[in-house]
C-alpha atoms as a PDB file:
ATOM      1  CA  UNK A   1     -22.580   5.919  10.456  1.00  0.00           C
ATOM      2  CA  UNK A   2     -22.719   8.791   7.891  1.00  0.00           C
ATOM      3  CA  UNK A   3     -20.804  12.049   7.902  1.00  0.00           C
ATOM      4  CA  UNK A   4     -20.836  14.935   5.489  1.00  0.00           C
ATOM      5  CA  UNK A   5     -17.527  16.067   3.880  1.00  0.00           C
ATOM      6  CA  UNK A   6     -17.394  18.991   6.331  1.00  0.00           C
ATOM      7  CA  UNK A   7     -18.079  16.704   9.338  1.00  0.00           C
ATOM      8  CA  UNK A   8     -15.484  14.264   8.081  1.00  0.00           C
ATOM      9  CA  UNK A   9     -12.852  16.997   7.833  1.00  0.00           C
ATOM     10  CA  UNK A  10     -13.679  18.288  11.241  1.00  0.00           C
ATOM     11  CA  UNK A  11     -13.909  14.905  12.987  1.00  0.00           C
ATOM     12  CA  UNK A  12     -11.517  12.709  11.040  1.00  0.00           C
ATOM     13  CA  UNK A  13      -9.856  11.248  14.112  1.00  0.00           C
ATOM     14  CA  UNK A  14     -13.117  10.265  15.641  1.00  0.00           C
ATOM     15  CA  UNK A  15     -14.281   8.666  12.390  1.00  0.00           C
ATOM     16  CA  UNK A  16     -11.057   6.691  12.138  1.00  0.00           C
ATOM     17  CA  UNK A  17     -11.596   5.417  15.707  1.00  0.00           C
ATOM     18  CA  UNK A  18     -15.070   4.347  14.716  1.00  0.00           C
ATOM     19  CA  UNK A  19     -13.603   2.408  11.737  1.00  0.00           C
ATOM     20  CA  UNK A  20     -11.100   0.688  14.066  1.00  0.00           C
ATOM     21  CA  UNK A  21     -14.005  -0.370  16.239  1.00  0.00           C
ATOM     22  CA  UNK A  22     -15.589  -2.024  13.221  1.00  0.00           C
ATOM     23  CA  UNK A  23     -18.154   0.531  12.331  1.00  0.00           C
ATOM     24  CA  UNK A  24     -18.935   1.379   8.675  1.00  0.00           C
ATOM     25  CA  UNK A  25     -18.420   5.043   7.924  1.00  0.00           C
ATOM     26  CA  UNK A  26     -19.927   6.636   4.719  1.00  0.00           C
ATOM     27  CA  UNK A  27     -18.879  10.120   3.643  1.00  0.00           C
ATOM     28  CA  UNK A  28     -21.660  12.017   1.903  1.00  0.00           C
ATOM     29  CA  UNK A  29     -21.630  15.066  -0.332  1.00  0.00           C
ATOM     30  CA  UNK A  30     -24.922  16.950  -0.408  1.00  0.00           C
ATOM     31  CA  UNK A  31     -26.560  13.905   1.165  1.00  0.00           C
ATOM     32  CA  UNK A  32     -25.283  11.509  -1.527  1.00  0.00           C
ATOM     33  CA  UNK A  33     -22.922   8.718  -0.412  1.00  0.00           C
ATOM     34  CA  UNK A  34     -19.550   9.445  -2.019  1.00  0.00           C
ATOM     35  CA  UNK A  35     -16.903   7.416  -0.094  1.00  0.00           C
ATOM     36  CA  UNK A  36     -16.565   4.794   2.549  1.00  0.00           C
ATOM     37  CA  UNK A  37     -13.919   4.661   5.261  1.00  0.00           C
ATOM     38  CA  UNK A  38     -12.688   1.048   5.703  1.00  0.00           C
ATOM     39  CA  UNK A  39      -9.767  -0.397   7.672  1.00  0.00           C
ATOM     40  CA  UNK A  40      -6.459  -0.674   5.791  1.00  0.00           C
ATOM     41  CA  UNK A  41      -5.494  -4.165   4.650  1.00  0.00           C
ATOM     42  CA  UNK A  42      -2.134  -5.451   5.708  1.00  0.00           C
ATOM     43  CA  UNK A  43       0.374  -5.718   2.888  1.00  0.00           C
ATOM     44  CA  UNK A  44       0.782  -9.061   1.208  1.00  0.00           C
ATOM     45  CA  UNK A  45       4.245  -8.162   0.040  1.00  0.00           C
ATOM     46  CA  UNK A  46       7.038  -9.647   2.029  1.00  0.00           C
ATOM     47  CA  UNK A  47      10.370  -7.888   1.613  1.00  0.00           C
ATOM     48  CA  UNK A  48      13.568  -9.821   2.223  1.00  0.00           C
ATOM     49  CA  UNK A  49      11.923 -13.237   1.616  1.00  0.00           C
ATOM     50  CA  UNK A  50      15.249 -14.612   0.430  1.00  0.00           C
ATOM     51  CA  UNK A  51      17.339 -13.040   3.139  1.00  0.00           C
ATOM     52  CA  UNK A  52      17.709 -16.281   5.051  1.00  0.00           C
ATOM     53  CA  UNK A  53      18.917 -18.069   2.004  1.00  0.00           C
ATOM     54  CA  UNK A  54      21.324 -15.351   0.804  1.00  0.00           C
ATOM     55  CA  UNK A  55      22.396 -14.077   4.134  1.00  0.00           C
ATOM     56  CA  UNK A  56      23.532 -10.409   4.302  1.00  0.00           C
ATOM     57  CA  UNK A  57      26.042 -10.902   1.541  1.00  0.00           C
ATOM     58  CA  UNK A  58      25.348  -9.536  -1.917  1.00  0.00           C
ATOM     59  CA  UNK A  59      27.494 -11.269  -4.507  1.00  0.00           C
ATOM     60  CA  UNK A  60      29.974  -8.931  -6.306  1.00  0.00           C
ATOM     61  CA  UNK A  61      28.637  -9.987  -9.711  1.00  0.00           C
ATOM     62  CA  UNK A  62      25.188  -8.663  -8.731  1.00  0.00           C
ATOM     63  CA  UNK A  63      26.550  -5.133  -8.939  1.00  0.00           C
ATOM     64  CA  UNK A  64      28.515  -5.561 -12.158  1.00  0.00           C
ATOM     65  CA  UNK A  65      27.192  -4.066 -15.394  1.00  0.00           C
ATOM     66  CA  UNK A  66      25.265  -6.414 -17.759  1.00  0.00           C
ATOM     67  CA  UNK A  67      27.111  -7.778 -20.702  1.00  0.00           C
ATOM     68  CA  UNK A  68      25.979  -6.874 -24.198  1.00  0.00           C
ATOM     69  CA  UNK A  69      24.369 -10.307 -24.572  1.00  0.00           C
ATOM     70  CA  UNK A  70      22.497  -9.960 -21.217  1.00  0.00           C
ATOM     71  CA  UNK A  71      21.284  -6.424 -22.224  1.00  0.00           C
ATOM     72  CA  UNK A  72      20.057  -7.814 -25.631  1.00  0.00           C
ATOM     73  CA  UNK A  73      18.157 -10.567 -23.758  1.00  0.00           C
ATOM     74  CA  UNK A  74      16.746  -7.962 -21.310  1.00  0.00           C
ATOM     75  CA  UNK A  75      15.406  -5.858 -24.122  1.00  0.00           C
ATOM     76  CA  UNK A  76      14.200  -8.861 -26.162  1.00  0.00           C
ATOM     77  CA  UNK A  77      16.645  -8.268 -29.036  1.00  0.00           C
END
């Protein structure tokens, strides 16, 4: 399916429904393909991956300022 920029702006919801149904939607500008609407990929990032191991407790030392030696290591000095 192809749609001009104007058609895409006017019918975005319908075009998104078409993408969800598996259709390929190409947006054209002056008849030239410019963009393609594709389904969004699910994130590969998993937040809280260590939550089971650490529990809900954040160790007190985690929030303490770094020592001068740790800062030097951090900055590669």
